[in-house]
Amino acid sequence: MSRVDVDYQYYADVFKGNALTEGDLKKHGRRAEFIVNRMTYGRIHEFELRPDDLEAVKAPICAVSEILAEDHRQKEMTGGRLVKSVNTDGESVTYADTSDNQSPEDALYGKCCSEARLYLEDTTLLYPGVYYDY
């Protein structure tokens, strides 16, 4: 299994992210990589990616890491409950209901996939069929 190396320098300089610390990226980056790998039908771990596709998967890993870190922070603040909104005073919290009896994990995965898809649309990595270009 190959690993996609997304370091903090890439996150800050290329992705232009500022929501994560280096520790946050280390903590959530591996899980984000597995989510993106699942979305791409295992291609980022199974194949040696072309340079343009390798660069294309780094951005969604950063974006998903931000989502996972924010979810982690929210759950720490609320004792594990899914938060829909918090007012600016921090005195009022609205907790989210997931639609269609969707688990919080499934809702989080859906949010991650929606964000990651923005970066992967121009690649062949989201194609669900057999793709022999690798």
Protein backbone atom coordinates (compact mmCIF):
# COMPACT_ATOMS: atom_id res chain seq x y z
CA MET A 1 0.00 0.00 0.00
CA SER A 2 1.42 3.37 -0.98
CA ARG A 3 0.91 6.41 1.20
CA VAL A 4 0.19 9.94 0.06
CA ASP A 5 2.54 12.30 1.87
CA VAL A 6 0.71 15.47 2.86
CA ASP A 7 2.87 17.47 5.24
CA TYR A 8 2.15 20.73 7.01
CA GLN A 9 4.26 22.71 4.57
CA TYR A 10 2.06 21.52 1.69
CA TYR A 11 -1.06 22.29 3.75
CA ALA A 12 0.04 25.85 4.54
CA ASP A 13 1.91 26.82 1.36
CA VAL A 14 0.08 25.05 -1.46
CA PHE A 15 -3.40 24.33 -0.06
CA LYS A 16 -3.30 27.71 1.76
CA GLY A 17 -4.96 26.21 4.82
CA ASN A 18 -4.92 27.90 8.18
CA ALA A 19 -7.53 26.02 10.20
CA LEU A 20 -5.18 23.24 11.36
CA THR A 21 -2.07 23.10 13.45
CA GLU A 22 0.69 20.72 12.48
CA GLY A 23 -0.52 18.40 15.25
CA ASP A 24 -4.09 18.52 13.91
CA LEU A 25 -2.87 17.52 10.46
CA LYS A 26 -0.88 14.63 11.87
CA LYS A 27 -3.84 13.52 13.98
CA HIS A 28 -6.53 13.72 11.29
CA GLY A 29 -4.54 13.42 8.06
CA ARG A 30 -4.28 9.64 8.06
CA ARG A 31 -8.02 9.19 8.57
CA ALA A 32 -8.67 11.79 5.86
CA GLU A 33 -6.41 9.83 3.53
CA PHE A 34 -8.41 6.66 4.15
CA ILE A 35 -11.69 8.50 3.45
CA VAL A 36 -10.33 9.83 0.14
CA ASN A 37 -8.99 6.37 -0.69
CA ARG A 38 -12.45 4.89 -0.07
CA MET A 39 -14.00 7.53 -2.34
CA THR A 40 -11.55 6.64 -5.11
CA TYR A 41 -12.31 2.93 -4.88
CA GLY A 42 -8.95 2.19 -3.30
CA ARG A 43 -6.96 3.65 -6.17
CA ILE A 44 -4.73 5.99 -4.18
CA HIS A 45 -3.37 3.10 -2.13
CA GLU A 46 -3.53 0.38 -4.76
CA PHE A 47 -1.82 2.09 -7.70
CA GLU A 48 1.20 4.25 -8.32
CA LEU A 49 -0.60 7.49 -9.19
CA ARG A 50 0.35 9.73 -12.07
CA PRO A 51 1.93 13.00 -10.83
CA ASP A 52 -1.16 15.08 -11.64
CA ASP A 53 -3.49 12.66 -9.83
CA LEU A 54 -1.10 12.51 -6.88
CA GLU A 55 -1.29 16.28 -6.57
CA ALA A 56 -5.07 16.12 -7.02
CA VAL A 57 -5.54 13.84 -3.99
CA LYS A 58 -3.47 16.02 -1.65
CA ALA A 59 -6.00 18.88 -1.63
CA PRO A 60 -9.01 16.74 -0.64
CA ILE A 61 -6.92 15.11 2.09
CA CYS A 62 -6.26 18.60 3.48
CA ALA A 63 -9.92 19.60 3.16
CA VAL A 64 -11.18 16.42 4.81
CA SER A 65 -8.60 16.83 7.59
CA GLU A 66 -10.09 20.25 8.33
CA ILE A 67 -13.60 18.78 8.50
CA LEU A 68 -12.46 15.96 10.79
CA ALA A 69 -10.58 18.37 13.07
CA GLU A 70 -13.59 20.70 13.33
CA ASP A 71 -15.89 17.75 14.05
CA HIS A 72 -13.47 16.58 16.75
CA ARG A 73 -13.38 20.06 18.34
CA GLN A 74 -17.17 20.34 18.27
CA LYS A 75 -17.64 16.92 19.83
CA GLU A 76 -15.14 17.73 22.59
CA MET A 77 -17.08 20.91 23.40
CA THR A 78 -20.47 19.20 23.39
CA GLY A 79 -19.75 15.83 24.90
CA GLY A 80 -19.93 14.01 21.59
CA ARG A 81 -23.21 15.43 20.30
CA LEU A 82 -23.50 16.66 16.72
CA VAL A 83 -23.76 20.47 16.68
CA LYS A 84 -25.81 22.32 14.11
CA SER A 85 -24.98 25.87 15.23
CA VAL A 86 -23.48 27.89 18.07
CA ASN A 87 -24.20 31.59 18.56
CA THR A 88 -21.37 34.09 18.84
CA ASP A 89 -21.78 34.39 22.63
CA GLY A 90 -21.35 30.65 23.02
CA GLU A 91 -24.41 30.51 25.25
CA SER A 92 -26.82 28.87 22.81
CA VAL A 93 -26.18 25.61 20.99
CA THR A 94 -28.52 23.93 18.52
CA TYR A 95 -27.93 20.21 18.11
CA ALA A 96 -28.41 18.65 14.70
CA ASP A 97 -30.74 15.87 13.79
CA THR A 98 -29.46 13.65 11.03
CA SER A 99 -31.81 13.11 8.13
CA ASP A 100 -33.36 9.75 7.34
CA ASN A 101 -32.05 8.18 10.54
CA GLN A 102 -28.51 8.67 9.26
CA SER A 103 -25.82 8.01 11.85
CA PRO A 104 -23.51 10.90 12.78
CA GLU A 105 -20.61 8.98 11.24
CA ASP A 106 -22.47 8.63 7.94
CA ALA A 107 -23.36 12.33 8.01
CA LEU A 108 -19.71 13.22 8.61
CA TYR A 109 -18.58 10.90 5.80
CA GLY A 110 -21.10 12.52 3.45
CA LYS A 111 -19.81 15.96 4.34
CA CYS A 112 -16.22 14.82 3.74
CA CYS A 113 -17.14 13.28 0.38
CA SER A 114 -18.96 16.41 -0.77
CA GLU A 115 -15.94 18.56 -0.02
CA ALA A 116 -13.38 16.14 -1.45
CA ARG A 117 -15.39 15.68 -4.66
CA LEU A 118 -14.77 19.36 -5.51
CA TYR A 119 -11.06 18.61 -5.89
CA LEU A 120 -11.40 15.23 -7.60
CA GLU A 121 -14.01 15.95 -10.28
CA ASP A 122 -11.42 16.58 -12.99
CA THR A 123 -9.65 13.26 -12.41
CA THR A 124 -10.52 9.69 -13.32
CA LEU A 125 -10.21 8.67 -9.67
CA LEU A 126 -13.96 8.89 -9.02
CA TYR A 127 -14.87 6.60 -11.92
CA PRO A 128 -16.47 3.51 -10.34
CA GLY A 129 -15.73 1.13 -13.20
CA VAL A 130 -12.56 -0.71 -14.04
CA TYR A 131 -9.98 1.76 -15.23
CA TYR A 132 -6.77 0.37 -16.66
CA ASP A 133 -4.86 3.61 -17.11
CA TYR A 134 -2.73 2.97 -14.02
